[in-house]
Amino acid sequence: MSNPSSYPTFHNKDVEIIEKKTLFKGFFSLTQVTFRHRLFAGGWSEEIERELFERGHAVAMLPYDPVTDQLVMVEQIRVGALGDARPWQLEIVAGMLDKEGEDPIDVAKRESVEEAGLAVKAIQHISGYYPSAGGCSERLELYVGQIEAPLSGGVFGLESEGEDIRVHVLSREEAYERVKNGTIENAASIITIQWLMLNHQQLRKQWLIQEK
């Protein structure tokens, strides 16, 4: 049985990147990577060739009002879901890091205004993860942001980016029910809503004390 305390077994020095070749470069990029790596049983692997989808890194934030115990989600059409019964997806606010070295918190605050018209009063990091490390380089940082929930939704988004975004205001329990019944289908939203269900009491106490 392996010892969990020894994880990770290997690091960057245990991989040799032999060649990187750009196959396509548009809004996103596709790169062919040839590499080899150390093996758990000892020695090195043969050369491995993989296609890598490169779309940059991103940020997603769950807008949450600790006073009303409500959260805000956005609805927009998603090209990856066009073949599905629900191409319009219910999500938390999110955006790409446009420049190298850009602060993810700044991106989260910017996207909150652009996608939902919401100013962020405080923000807390939840986690970071690779949505599909088997073939995509993107890493997504997750946050929960303190906002004042509007009385109703609205339509937002940047016309210059072809965005048509509808805002929904939900109770925390209603949002979690939509996770359980499969209405919410994207990982960032599922993770952050589940995190909120586990941590809302502590988070509300923390933010409401800061308000005083």
N, C-alpha and C. Protein backbone atom coordinates (compact mmCIF):
# COMPACT_ATOMS: atom_id res chain seq x y z
N MET A 1 0.85 -1.19 0.00
CA MET A 1 0.00 0.00 0.00
C MET A 1 0.89 1.24 0.00
N SER A 2 0.56 2.23 -0.83
CA SER A 2 1.35 3.44 -0.91
C SER A 2 1.10 4.32 0.30
N ASN A 3 2.09 5.15 0.60
CA ASN A 3 1.99 6.08 1.71
C ASN A 3 1.48 7.42 1.20
N PRO A 4 0.27 7.85 1.60
CA PRO A 4 -0.27 9.12 1.09
C PRO A 4 0.63 10.31 1.37
N SER A 5 1.43 10.23 2.46
CA SER A 5 2.28 11.36 2.81
C SER A 5 3.41 11.55 1.80
N SER A 6 3.66 10.54 0.94
CA SER A 6 4.74 10.65 -0.05
C SER A 6 4.27 11.30 -1.35
N TYR A 7 2.99 11.64 -1.42
CA TYR A 7 2.45 12.25 -2.64
C TYR A 7 2.86 13.71 -2.72
N PRO A 8 3.23 14.27 -3.89
CA PRO A 8 3.36 13.53 -5.14
C PRO A 8 4.69 12.78 -5.23
N THR A 9 4.68 11.67 -5.92
CA THR A 9 5.87 10.84 -6.05
C THR A 9 6.95 11.54 -6.87
N PHE A 10 6.53 12.20 -7.97
CA PHE A 10 7.46 12.84 -8.89
C PHE A 10 7.15 14.34 -9.00
N HIS A 11 8.10 15.07 -9.63
CA HIS A 11 7.97 16.52 -9.80
C HIS A 11 8.38 16.90 -11.23
N ASN A 12 8.49 18.19 -11.49
CA ASN A 12 8.81 18.66 -12.84
C ASN A 12 10.12 18.08 -13.37
N LYS A 13 11.10 17.90 -12.48
CA LYS A 13 12.41 17.39 -12.91
C LYS A 13 12.33 15.95 -13.40
N ASP A 14 11.21 15.29 -13.14
CA ASP A 14 11.04 13.89 -13.55
C ASP A 14 10.31 13.75 -14.88
N VAL A 15 10.17 14.87 -15.59
CA VAL A 15 9.58 14.86 -16.93
C VAL A 15 10.54 15.55 -17.89
N GLU A 16 10.76 14.97 -19.04
CA GLU A 16 11.57 15.59 -20.09
C GLU A 16 10.68 15.93 -21.28
N ILE A 17 10.51 17.21 -21.55
CA ILE A 17 9.74 17.64 -22.73
C ILE A 17 10.68 17.68 -23.91
N ILE A 18 10.43 16.85 -24.88
CA ILE A 18 11.32 16.69 -26.03
C ILE A 18 10.98 17.70 -27.13
N GLU A 19 9.68 17.90 -27.37
CA GLU A 19 9.28 18.82 -28.45
C GLU A 19 7.86 19.32 -28.19
N LYS A 20 7.64 20.58 -28.55
CA LYS A 20 6.29 21.16 -28.53
C LYS A 20 6.05 21.81 -29.90
N LYS A 21 4.97 21.38 -30.55
CA LYS A 21 4.67 21.86 -31.90
C LYS A 21 3.24 22.41 -31.94
N THR A 22 3.08 23.65 -32.41
CA THR A 22 1.75 24.26 -32.52
C THR A 22 1.02 23.69 -33.73
N LEU A 23 -0.14 23.06 -33.50
CA LEU A 23 -0.94 22.49 -34.59
C LEU A 23 -2.01 23.47 -35.06
N PHE A 24 -2.52 24.28 -34.13
CA PHE A 24 -3.57 25.25 -34.47
C PHE A 24 -3.51 26.39 -33.47
N LYS A 25 -3.71 27.62 -33.96
CA LYS A 25 -3.75 28.77 -33.07
C LYS A 25 -4.86 29.70 -33.52
N GLY A 26 -5.91 29.79 -32.72
CA GLY A 26 -7.04 30.68 -32.98
C GLY A 26 -7.44 31.31 -31.66
N PHE A 27 -8.75 31.31 -31.35
CA PHE A 27 -9.19 31.78 -30.04
C PHE A 27 -8.57 30.92 -28.95
N PHE A 28 -8.45 29.61 -29.23
CA PHE A 28 -7.70 28.69 -28.39
C PHE A 28 -6.58 28.09 -29.21
N SER A 29 -5.69 27.33 -28.57
CA SER A 29 -4.56 26.73 -29.28
C SER A 29 -4.53 25.22 -29.07
N LEU A 30 -3.97 24.51 -30.05
CA LEU A 30 -3.76 23.06 -29.95
C LEU A 30 -2.28 22.80 -30.20
N THR A 31 -1.63 22.18 -29.23
CA THR A 31 -0.19 21.93 -29.28
C THR A 31 0.07 20.43 -29.22
N GLN A 32 1.02 19.97 -30.03
CA GLN A 32 1.45 18.58 -29.96
C GLN A 32 2.70 18.52 -29.07
N VAL A 33 2.63 17.73 -28.01
CA VAL A 33 3.73 17.63 -27.05
C VAL A 33 4.32 16.23 -27.08
N THR A 34 5.64 16.16 -27.21
CA THR A 34 6.35 14.89 -27.13
C THR A 34 7.19 14.92 -25.85
N PHE A 35 7.02 13.90 -25.01
CA PHE A 35 7.72 13.90 -23.73
C PHE A 35 7.97 12.48 -23.26
N ARG A 36 8.78 12.35 -22.22
CA ARG A 36 8.94 11.09 -21.52
C ARG A 36 9.03 11.38 -20.02
N HIS A 37 8.78 10.37 -19.18
CA HIS A 37 8.74 10.61 -17.74
C HIS A 37 9.24 9.40 -16.97
N ARG A 38 9.61 9.66 -15.73
CA ARG A 38 10.02 8.56 -14.85
C ARG A 38 8.84 7.64 -14.57
N LEU A 39 9.14 6.35 -14.37
CA LEU A 39 8.11 5.35 -14.09
C LEU A 39 8.11 4.98 -12.61
N PHE A 40 6.95 4.65 -12.07
CA PHE A 40 6.84 4.25 -10.67
C PHE A 40 7.70 3.03 -10.36
N ALA A 41 7.85 2.14 -11.34
CA ALA A 41 8.64 0.92 -11.12
C ALA A 41 10.13 1.13 -11.36
N GLY A 42 10.51 2.36 -11.77
CA GLY A 42 11.90 2.66 -12.05
C GLY A 42 12.15 2.85 -13.53
N GLY A 43 13.18 3.64 -13.87
CA GLY A 43 13.51 3.89 -15.26
C GLY A 43 12.63 4.98 -15.86
N TRP A 44 12.68 5.04 -17.20
CA TRP A 44 11.95 6.08 -17.92
C TRP A 44 11.00 5.46 -18.94
N SER A 45 9.92 6.18 -19.23
CA SER A 45 8.95 5.73 -20.25
C SER A 45 9.54 5.90 -21.64
N GLU A 46 8.87 5.28 -22.61
CA GLU A 46 9.17 5.59 -24.00
C GLU A 46 8.65 7.00 -24.30
N GLU A 47 9.02 7.54 -25.46
CA GLU A 47 8.50 8.86 -25.85
C GLU A 47 6.99 8.77 -26.04
N ILE A 48 6.28 9.75 -25.48
CA ILE A 48 4.82 9.81 -25.56
C ILE A 48 4.43 11.06 -26.33
N GLU A 49 3.47 10.93 -27.21
CA GLU A 49 3.01 12.06 -28.02
C GLU A 49 1.54 12.32 -27.71
N ARG A 50 1.21 13.55 -27.31
CA ARG A 50 -0.15 13.91 -26.97
C ARG A 50 -0.51 15.27 -27.55
N GLU A 51 -1.80 15.44 -27.88
CA GLU A 51 -2.30 16.75 -28.26
C GLU A 51 -2.80 17.46 -27.00
N LEU A 52 -2.41 18.72 -26.83
CA LEU A 52 -2.76 19.50 -25.64
C LEU A 52 -3.59 20.72 -26.05
N PHE A 53 -4.79 20.81 -25.51
CA PHE A 53 -5.67 21.96 -25.74
C PHE A 53 -5.28 23.05 -24.75
N GLU A 54 -4.89 24.21 -25.28
CA GLU A 54 -4.44 25.31 -24.44
C GLU A 54 -5.41 26.49 -24.57
N ARG A 55 -6.10 26.80 -23.47
CA ARG A 55 -7.09 27.89 -23.49
C ARG A 55 -6.80 28.93 -22.44
N GLY A 56 -5.62 28.86 -21.81
CA GLY A 56 -5.28 29.80 -20.76
C GLY A 56 -5.88 29.37 -19.43
N HIS A 57 -5.72 30.21 -18.43
CA HIS A 57 -6.24 29.91 -17.09
C HIS A 57 -7.44 30.79 -16.79
N ALA A 58 -8.26 30.35 -15.82
CA ALA A 58 -9.54 31.03 -15.60
C ALA A 58 -9.85 31.15 -14.11
N VAL A 59 -10.88 31.94 -13.83
CA VAL A 59 -11.35 32.20 -12.48
C VAL A 59 -12.86 32.05 -12.48
N ALA A 60 -13.42 31.48 -11.42
CA ALA A 60 -14.88 31.42 -11.26
C ALA A 60 -15.22 31.81 -9.83
N MET A 61 -16.31 32.57 -9.66
CA MET A 61 -16.68 33.05 -8.34
C MET A 61 -18.17 32.90 -8.11
N LEU A 62 -18.51 32.38 -6.93
CA LEU A 62 -19.90 32.26 -6.52
C LEU A 62 -20.29 33.53 -5.77
N PRO A 63 -21.18 34.37 -6.33
CA PRO A 63 -21.62 35.58 -5.63
C PRO A 63 -22.64 35.21 -4.55
N TYR A 64 -22.35 35.58 -3.32
CA TYR A 64 -23.18 35.15 -2.19
C TYR A 64 -23.48 36.33 -1.27
N ASP A 65 -24.75 36.45 -0.88
CA ASP A 65 -25.19 37.49 0.05
C ASP A 65 -25.41 36.84 1.42
N PRO A 66 -24.54 37.13 2.41
CA PRO A 66 -24.67 36.49 3.72
C PRO A 66 -25.86 37.01 4.53
N VAL A 67 -26.37 38.15 4.16
CA VAL A 67 -27.50 38.73 4.89
C VAL A 67 -28.80 38.01 4.53
N THR A 68 -29.05 37.85 3.22
CA THR A 68 -30.29 37.22 2.76
C THR A 68 -30.13 35.72 2.54
N ASP A 69 -28.89 35.20 2.63
CA ASP A 69 -28.59 33.79 2.38
C ASP A 69 -29.01 33.40 0.96
N GLN A 70 -28.72 34.31 0.01
CA GLN A 70 -29.03 34.07 -1.40
C GLN A 70 -27.73 34.11 -2.21
N LEU A 71 -27.79 33.47 -3.35
CA LEU A 71 -26.66 33.55 -4.27
C LEU A 71 -27.15 33.92 -5.66
N VAL A 72 -26.22 34.36 -6.47
CA VAL A 72 -26.55 34.82 -7.83
C VAL A 72 -25.87 33.91 -8.84
N MET A 73 -26.63 33.48 -9.84
CA MET A 73 -26.08 32.67 -10.92
C MET A 73 -26.44 33.29 -12.25
N VAL A 74 -25.69 32.94 -13.28
CA VAL A 74 -25.91 33.51 -14.60
C VAL A 74 -26.26 32.39 -15.58
N GLU A 75 -27.09 32.73 -16.54
CA GLU A 75 -27.53 31.78 -17.58
C GLU A 75 -27.06 32.30 -18.92
N GLN A 76 -26.35 31.46 -19.68
CA GLN A 76 -25.90 31.86 -21.01
C GLN A 76 -25.71 30.63 -21.89
N ILE A 77 -25.74 30.83 -23.18
CA ILE A 77 -25.56 29.73 -24.12
C ILE A 77 -24.09 29.32 -24.15
N ARG A 78 -23.86 28.01 -24.23
CA ARG A 78 -22.50 27.48 -24.23
C ARG A 78 -22.30 26.56 -25.43
N VAL A 79 -21.25 26.84 -26.23
CA VAL A 79 -21.02 26.09 -27.46
C VAL A 79 -20.77 24.61 -27.17
N GLY A 80 -20.14 24.30 -26.04
CA GLY A 80 -19.87 22.90 -25.72
C GLY A 80 -21.10 22.08 -25.42
N ALA A 81 -22.23 22.76 -25.15
CA ALA A 81 -23.47 22.07 -24.81
C ALA A 81 -24.51 22.17 -25.92
N LEU A 82 -24.10 22.59 -27.12
CA LEU A 82 -25.07 22.79 -28.21
C LEU A 82 -25.77 21.50 -28.61
N GLY A 83 -25.13 20.36 -28.43
CA GLY A 83 -25.77 19.10 -28.79
C GLY A 83 -26.62 18.53 -27.68
N ASP A 84 -26.70 19.23 -26.55
CA ASP A 84 -27.43 18.74 -25.39
C ASP A 84 -28.84 19.32 -25.38
N ALA A 85 -29.67 18.80 -24.50
CA ALA A 85 -31.04 19.33 -24.37
C ALA A 85 -31.05 20.72 -23.76
N ARG A 86 -29.97 21.07 -23.02
CA ARG A 86 -29.91 22.38 -22.36
C ARG A 86 -28.64 23.12 -22.76
N PRO A 87 -28.58 23.73 -23.95
CA PRO A 87 -27.38 24.48 -24.33
C PRO A 87 -27.20 25.76 -23.52
N TRP A 88 -28.29 26.27 -22.90
CA TRP A 88 -28.16 27.40 -21.98
C TRP A 88 -27.85 26.83 -20.61
N GLN A 89 -26.69 27.20 -20.06
CA GLN A 89 -26.21 26.64 -18.81
C GLN A 89 -26.36 27.64 -17.66
N LEU A 90 -26.69 27.13 -16.47
CA LEU A 90 -26.77 27.93 -15.26
C LEU A 90 -25.43 27.79 -14.54
N GLU A 91 -24.72 28.94 -14.38
CA GLU A 91 -23.34 28.91 -13.90
C GLU A 91 -23.09 30.02 -12.88
N ILE A 92 -21.92 29.97 -12.25
CA ILE A 92 -21.44 31.10 -11.48
C ILE A 92 -20.65 32.02 -12.41
N VAL A 93 -20.34 33.23 -11.98
CA VAL A 93 -19.60 34.15 -12.86
C VAL A 93 -18.18 33.63 -13.05
N ALA A 94 -17.63 33.85 -14.23
CA ALA A 94 -16.30 33.32 -14.53
C ALA A 94 -15.68 34.10 -15.67
N GLY A 95 -14.36 33.99 -15.77
CA GLY A 95 -13.66 34.67 -16.85
C GLY A 95 -12.23 34.19 -16.97
N MET A 96 -11.61 34.51 -18.09
CA MET A 96 -10.24 34.11 -18.37
C MET A 96 -9.26 35.16 -17.86
N LEU A 97 -8.08 34.70 -17.47
CA LEU A 97 -6.99 35.63 -17.17
C LEU A 97 -6.43 36.09 -18.51
N ASP A 98 -6.64 37.38 -18.82
CA ASP A 98 -6.28 37.89 -20.15
C ASP A 98 -4.79 38.14 -20.30
N LYS A 99 -4.11 38.46 -19.20
CA LYS A 99 -2.69 38.80 -19.26
C LYS A 99 -1.89 37.95 -18.27
N GLU A 100 -0.65 37.67 -18.63
CA GLU A 100 0.22 36.90 -17.74
C GLU A 100 0.48 37.70 -16.47
N GLY A 101 0.34 37.05 -15.33
CA GLY A 101 0.57 37.73 -14.07
C GLY A 101 -0.64 38.47 -13.54
N GLU A 102 -1.77 38.42 -14.26
CA GLU A 102 -2.98 39.11 -13.81
C GLU A 102 -3.50 38.46 -12.53
N ASP A 103 -3.93 39.29 -11.57
CA ASP A 103 -4.43 38.79 -10.29
C ASP A 103 -5.80 38.15 -10.47
N PRO A 104 -5.95 36.87 -10.11
CA PRO A 104 -7.24 36.20 -10.28
C PRO A 104 -8.38 36.90 -9.53
N ILE A 105 -8.07 37.52 -8.38
CA ILE A 105 -9.11 38.22 -7.62
C ILE A 105 -9.63 39.42 -8.42
N ASP A 106 -8.72 40.13 -9.09
CA ASP A 106 -9.14 41.26 -9.92
C ASP A 106 -10.05 40.78 -11.06
N VAL A 107 -9.71 39.62 -11.62
CA VAL A 107 -10.53 39.07 -12.71
C VAL A 107 -11.92 38.70 -12.18
N ALA A 108 -11.97 38.07 -11.01
CA ALA A 108 -13.26 37.68 -10.42
C ALA A 108 -14.14 38.90 -10.19
N LYS A 109 -13.56 39.96 -9.66
CA LYS A 109 -14.33 41.19 -9.40
C LYS A 109 -14.80 41.82 -10.71
N ARG A 110 -13.95 41.83 -11.72
CA ARG A 110 -14.32 42.40 -13.02
C ARG A 110 -15.46 41.62 -13.67
N GLU A 111 -15.35 40.29 -13.64
CA GLU A 111 -16.38 39.47 -14.27
C GLU A 111 -17.71 39.58 -13.52
N SER A 112 -17.65 39.77 -12.21
CA SER A 112 -18.88 39.93 -11.43
C SER A 112 -19.66 41.16 -11.88
N VAL A 113 -18.95 42.23 -12.19
CA VAL A 113 -19.60 43.46 -12.66
C VAL A 113 -20.11 43.27 -14.09
N GLU A 114 -19.26 42.70 -14.96
CA GLU A 114 -19.62 42.56 -16.37
C GLU A 114 -20.77 41.58 -16.59
N GLU A 115 -20.75 40.46 -15.86
CA GLU A 115 -21.73 39.41 -16.12
C GLU A 115 -23.00 39.54 -15.29
N ALA A 116 -22.91 40.20 -14.13
CA ALA A 116 -24.08 40.23 -13.25
C ALA A 116 -24.36 41.60 -12.64
N GLY A 117 -23.54 42.61 -12.93
CA GLY A 117 -23.75 43.93 -12.38
C GLY A 117 -23.54 43.99 -10.88
N LEU A 118 -22.67 43.14 -10.33
CA LEU A 118 -22.50 43.01 -8.89
C LEU A 118 -21.12 43.47 -8.44
N ALA A 119 -21.10 44.37 -7.46
CA ALA A 119 -19.84 44.76 -6.83
C ALA A 119 -19.50 43.77 -5.72
N VAL A 120 -18.24 43.40 -5.64
CA VAL A 120 -17.79 42.41 -4.66
C VAL A 120 -17.21 43.13 -3.45
N LYS A 121 -17.76 42.85 -2.27
CA LYS A 121 -17.33 43.52 -1.04
C LYS A 121 -16.19 42.79 -0.34
N ALA A 122 -16.17 41.48 -0.43
CA ALA A 122 -15.12 40.65 0.15
C ALA A 122 -15.04 39.38 -0.68
N ILE A 123 -13.89 38.74 -0.64
CA ILE A 123 -13.72 37.54 -1.47
C ILE A 123 -12.85 36.54 -0.74
N GLN A 124 -13.18 35.26 -0.90
CA GLN A 124 -12.44 34.19 -0.24
C GLN A 124 -12.14 33.07 -1.23
N HIS A 125 -10.89 32.64 -1.23
CA HIS A 125 -10.48 31.55 -2.12
C HIS A 125 -11.01 30.22 -1.59
N ILE A 126 -11.51 29.39 -2.48
CA ILE A 126 -12.02 28.06 -2.10
C ILE A 126 -11.01 26.98 -2.48
N SER A 127 -10.64 26.94 -3.77
CA SER A 127 -9.74 25.89 -4.25
C SER A 127 -9.33 26.22 -5.68
N GLY A 128 -8.42 25.41 -6.18
CA GLY A 128 -8.05 25.49 -7.59
C GLY A 128 -7.97 24.08 -8.14
N TYR A 129 -8.29 23.92 -9.43
CA TYR A 129 -8.25 22.56 -9.99
C TYR A 129 -8.09 22.60 -11.51
N TYR A 130 -7.68 21.47 -12.07
CA TYR A 130 -7.59 21.28 -13.52
C TYR A 130 -8.87 20.58 -13.98
N PRO A 131 -9.72 21.23 -14.78
CA PRO A 131 -10.97 20.61 -15.22
C PRO A 131 -10.77 19.33 -16.03
N SER A 132 -9.67 19.27 -16.81
CA SER A 132 -9.46 18.07 -17.63
C SER A 132 -7.97 17.94 -17.95
N ALA A 133 -7.17 17.58 -16.94
CA ALA A 133 -5.72 17.57 -17.08
C ALA A 133 -5.21 16.52 -18.06
N GLY A 134 -6.06 15.60 -18.46
CA GLY A 134 -5.65 14.59 -19.43
C GLY A 134 -5.39 15.15 -20.81
N GLY A 135 -5.90 16.35 -21.10
CA GLY A 135 -5.69 16.91 -22.43
C GLY A 135 -5.79 18.42 -22.52
N CYS A 136 -5.97 19.10 -21.37
CA CYS A 136 -6.16 20.55 -21.37
C CYS A 136 -5.29 21.16 -20.28
N SER A 137 -4.62 22.28 -20.58
CA SER A 137 -3.70 22.92 -19.64
C SER A 137 -4.40 23.88 -18.69
N GLU A 138 -5.68 24.15 -18.89
CA GLU A 138 -6.37 25.15 -18.08
C GLU A 138 -6.41 24.78 -16.60
N ARG A 139 -6.14 25.77 -15.73
CA ARG A 139 -6.36 25.64 -14.29
C ARG A 139 -7.38 26.69 -13.88
N LEU A 140 -8.33 26.30 -13.06
CA LEU A 140 -9.42 27.18 -12.66
C LEU A 140 -9.34 27.45 -11.17
N GLU A 141 -9.30 28.74 -10.79
CA GLU A 141 -9.31 29.13 -9.39
C GLU A 141 -10.73 29.48 -8.97
N LEU A 142 -11.17 28.94 -7.84
CA LEU A 142 -12.54 29.12 -7.37
C LEU A 142 -12.59 30.03 -6.15
N TYR A 143 -13.59 30.93 -6.15
CA TYR A 143 -13.78 31.87 -5.06
C TYR A 143 -15.26 31.96 -4.69
N VAL A 144 -15.52 32.46 -3.49
CA VAL A 144 -16.86 32.91 -3.12
C VAL A 144 -16.71 34.39 -2.81
N GLY A 145 -17.63 35.21 -3.34
CA GLY A 145 -17.55 36.64 -3.15
C GLY A 145 -18.78 37.19 -2.44
N GLN A 146 -18.56 38.11 -1.53
CA GLN A 146 -19.67 38.73 -0.81
C GLN A 146 -20.28 39.85 -1.66
N ILE A 147 -21.60 39.76 -1.88
CA ILE A 147 -22.32 40.75 -2.66
C ILE A 147 -23.64 41.08 -1.97
N GLU A 148 -24.30 42.08 -2.46
CA GLU A 148 -25.68 42.36 -2.06
C GLU A 148 -26.58 41.85 -3.17
N ALA A 149 -27.36 40.82 -2.88
CA ALA A 149 -28.20 40.22 -3.91
C ALA A 149 -29.26 41.22 -4.38
N PRO A 150 -29.44 41.37 -5.68
CA PRO A 150 -30.49 42.26 -6.18
C PRO A 150 -31.87 41.67 -5.90
N LEU A 151 -32.89 42.51 -5.95
CA LEU A 151 -34.25 42.04 -5.70
C LEU A 151 -34.74 41.16 -6.84
N SER A 152 -34.20 41.37 -8.03
CA SER A 152 -34.57 40.55 -9.19
C SER A 152 -33.35 40.43 -10.10
N GLY A 153 -33.47 39.61 -11.12
CA GLY A 153 -32.37 39.41 -12.06
C GLY A 153 -32.28 40.53 -13.08
N GLY A 154 -31.77 40.21 -14.24
CA GLY A 154 -31.61 41.19 -15.30
C GLY A 154 -30.78 40.57 -16.40
N VAL A 155 -30.49 41.35 -17.43
CA VAL A 155 -29.68 40.86 -18.55
C VAL A 155 -28.41 41.70 -18.62
N PHE A 156 -27.26 41.01 -18.67
CA PHE A 156 -25.97 41.67 -18.65
C PHE A 156 -25.06 41.05 -19.71
N GLY A 157 -23.77 41.40 -19.65
CA GLY A 157 -22.79 40.88 -20.60
C GLY A 157 -22.27 41.96 -21.52
N LEU A 158 -21.07 41.72 -22.08
CA LEU A 158 -20.44 42.67 -23.00
C LEU A 158 -20.87 42.38 -24.42
N GLU A 159 -21.49 43.36 -25.06
CA GLU A 159 -21.91 43.19 -26.46
C GLU A 159 -20.72 42.93 -27.36
N SER A 160 -19.57 43.56 -27.03
CA SER A 160 -18.36 43.39 -27.84
C SER A 160 -17.85 41.95 -27.83
N GLU A 161 -18.23 41.18 -26.81
CA GLU A 161 -17.81 39.79 -26.72
C GLU A 161 -18.95 38.82 -27.03
N GLY A 162 -20.05 39.34 -27.55
CA GLY A 162 -21.18 38.51 -27.93
C GLY A 162 -21.89 37.88 -26.75
N GLU A 163 -21.83 38.52 -25.59
CA GLU A 163 -22.43 37.95 -24.38
C GLU A 163 -23.89 38.37 -24.23
N ASP A 164 -24.72 37.42 -23.92
CA ASP A 164 -26.14 37.65 -23.62
C ASP A 164 -26.44 36.83 -22.37
N ILE A 165 -26.38 37.49 -21.22
CA ILE A 165 -26.35 36.79 -19.93
C ILE A 165 -27.54 37.21 -19.08
N ARG A 166 -28.29 36.23 -18.62
CA ARG A 166 -29.42 36.49 -17.73
C ARG A 166 -29.04 36.13 -16.30
N VAL A 167 -29.35 37.03 -15.37
CA VAL A 167 -29.02 36.83 -13.96
C VAL A 167 -30.20 36.22 -13.21
N HIS A 168 -29.90 35.23 -12.36
CA HIS A 168 -30.91 34.60 -11.51
C HIS A 168 -30.48 34.74 -10.05
N VAL A 169 -31.44 35.07 -9.20
CA VAL A 169 -31.20 35.13 -7.75
C VAL A 169 -31.88 33.93 -7.11
N LEU A 170 -31.12 33.10 -6.41
CA LEU A 170 -31.65 31.87 -5.81
C LEU A 170 -31.30 31.82 -4.33
N SER A 171 -32.14 31.17 -3.56
CA SER A 171 -31.77 30.88 -2.18
C SER A 171 -30.67 29.82 -2.21
N ARG A 172 -29.89 29.75 -1.16
CA ARG A 172 -28.83 28.75 -1.09
C ARG A 172 -29.41 27.34 -1.21
N GLU A 173 -30.51 27.08 -0.56
CA GLU A 173 -31.13 25.75 -0.61
C GLU A 173 -31.64 25.42 -2.00
N GLU A 174 -32.21 26.42 -2.68
CA GLU A 174 -32.71 26.18 -4.04
C GLU A 174 -31.57 25.85 -4.99
N ALA A 175 -30.47 26.57 -4.85
CA ALA A 175 -29.31 26.30 -5.71
C ALA A 175 -28.79 24.89 -5.48
N TYR A 176 -28.73 24.48 -4.21
CA TYR A 176 -28.24 23.13 -3.89
C TYR A 176 -29.19 22.06 -4.43
N GLU A 177 -30.48 22.34 -4.41
CA GLU A 177 -31.44 21.39 -4.96
C GLU A 177 -31.21 21.22 -6.46
N ARG A 178 -30.82 22.29 -7.13
CA ARG A 178 -30.56 22.21 -8.58
C ARG A 178 -29.27 21.44 -8.86
N VAL A 179 -28.35 21.47 -7.92
CA VAL A 179 -27.17 20.61 -8.04
C VAL A 179 -27.59 19.15 -7.92
N LYS A 180 -28.39 18.85 -6.92
CA LYS A 180 -28.81 17.46 -6.67
C LYS A 180 -29.66 16.89 -7.80
N ASN A 181 -30.53 17.72 -8.42
CA ASN A 181 -31.39 17.18 -9.47
C ASN A 181 -30.77 17.26 -10.86
N GLY A 182 -29.53 17.75 -10.94
CA GLY A 182 -28.81 17.74 -12.21
C GLY A 182 -29.07 18.92 -13.11
N THR A 183 -29.82 19.92 -12.65
CA THR A 183 -30.06 21.11 -13.47
C THR A 183 -28.76 21.88 -13.67
N ILE A 184 -27.95 21.98 -12.61
CA ILE A 184 -26.64 22.62 -12.71
C ILE A 184 -25.63 21.55 -13.10
N GLU A 185 -24.95 21.76 -14.24
CA GLU A 185 -24.16 20.69 -14.84
C GLU A 185 -22.67 20.98 -14.94
N ASN A 186 -22.22 22.16 -14.52
CA ASN A 186 -20.81 22.48 -14.67
C ASN A 186 -20.07 22.37 -13.34
N ALA A 187 -18.83 21.92 -13.41
CA ALA A 187 -18.08 21.55 -12.21
C ALA A 187 -17.85 22.71 -11.26
N ALA A 188 -17.48 23.89 -11.78
CA ALA A 188 -17.17 25.02 -10.90
C ALA A 188 -18.37 25.39 -10.04
N SER A 189 -19.56 25.39 -10.64
CA SER A 189 -20.78 25.72 -9.89
C SER A 189 -21.09 24.65 -8.86
N ILE A 190 -20.97 23.39 -9.24
CA ILE A 190 -21.26 22.29 -8.32
C ILE A 190 -20.32 22.33 -7.13
N ILE A 191 -19.02 22.52 -7.38
CA ILE A 191 -18.03 22.53 -6.30
C ILE A 191 -18.28 23.69 -5.34
N THR A 192 -18.50 24.89 -5.88
CA THR A 192 -18.65 26.05 -5.00
C THR A 192 -19.95 26.02 -4.21
N ILE A 193 -21.02 25.53 -4.81
CA ILE A 193 -22.30 25.44 -4.08
C ILE A 193 -22.21 24.39 -2.98
N GLN A 194 -21.57 23.26 -3.28
CA GLN A 194 -21.39 22.25 -2.24
C GLN A 194 -20.50 22.78 -1.11
N TRP A 195 -19.47 23.53 -1.47
CA TRP A 195 -18.60 24.14 -0.45
C TRP A 195 -19.42 25.09 0.42
N LEU A 196 -20.28 25.88 -0.21
CA LEU A 196 -21.09 26.83 0.55
C LEU A 196 -22.03 26.10 1.51
N MET A 197 -22.61 25.00 1.08
CA MET A 197 -23.51 24.24 1.96
C MET A 197 -22.76 23.75 3.20
N LEU A 198 -21.49 23.44 3.07
CA LEU A 198 -20.70 22.95 4.19
C LEU A 198 -20.18 24.08 5.08
N ASN A 199 -20.02 25.27 4.51
CA ASN A 199 -19.31 26.34 5.22
C ASN A 199 -20.11 27.62 5.41
N HIS A 200 -21.42 27.62 5.06
CA HIS A 200 -22.16 28.88 5.07
C HIS A 200 -22.29 29.50 6.46
N GLN A 201 -22.41 28.69 7.48
CA GLN A 201 -22.58 29.25 8.82
C GLN A 201 -21.34 30.02 9.27
N GLN A 202 -20.19 29.42 9.07
CA GLN A 202 -18.94 30.08 9.43
C GLN A 202 -18.70 31.31 8.56
N LEU A 203 -18.98 31.18 7.26
CA LEU A 203 -18.76 32.29 6.33
C LEU A 203 -19.67 33.47 6.65
N ARG A 204 -20.94 33.20 6.93
CA ARG A 204 -21.88 34.27 7.25
C ARG A 204 -21.45 34.99 8.53
N LYS A 205 -21.05 34.22 9.51
CA LYS A 205 -20.61 34.81 10.77
C LYS A 205 -19.40 35.71 10.54
N GLN A 206 -18.46 35.24 9.76
CA GLN A 206 -17.23 35.99 9.47
C GLN A 206 -17.54 37.29 8.75
N TRP A 207 -18.34 37.20 7.69
CA TRP A 207 -18.62 38.40 6.88
C TRP A 207 -19.53 39.38 7.61
N LEU A 208 -20.50 38.88 8.35
CA LEU A 208 -21.42 39.77 9.06
C LEU A 208 -20.71 40.51 10.21
N ILE A 209 -19.74 39.86 10.83
CA ILE A 209 -18.94 40.54 11.86
C ILE A 209 -18.12 41.64 11.23
N GLN A 210 -17.56 41.37 10.06
CA GLN A 210 -16.75 42.38 9.35
C GLN A 210 -17.60 43.57 8.94
N GLU A 211 -18.89 43.36 8.72
CA GLU A 211 -19.80 44.44 8.30
C GLU A 211 -20.03 45.43 9.44
N LYS A 212 -19.93 44.98 10.70
CA LYS A 212 -20.26 45.82 11.84
C LYS A 212 -19.14 46.83 12.14
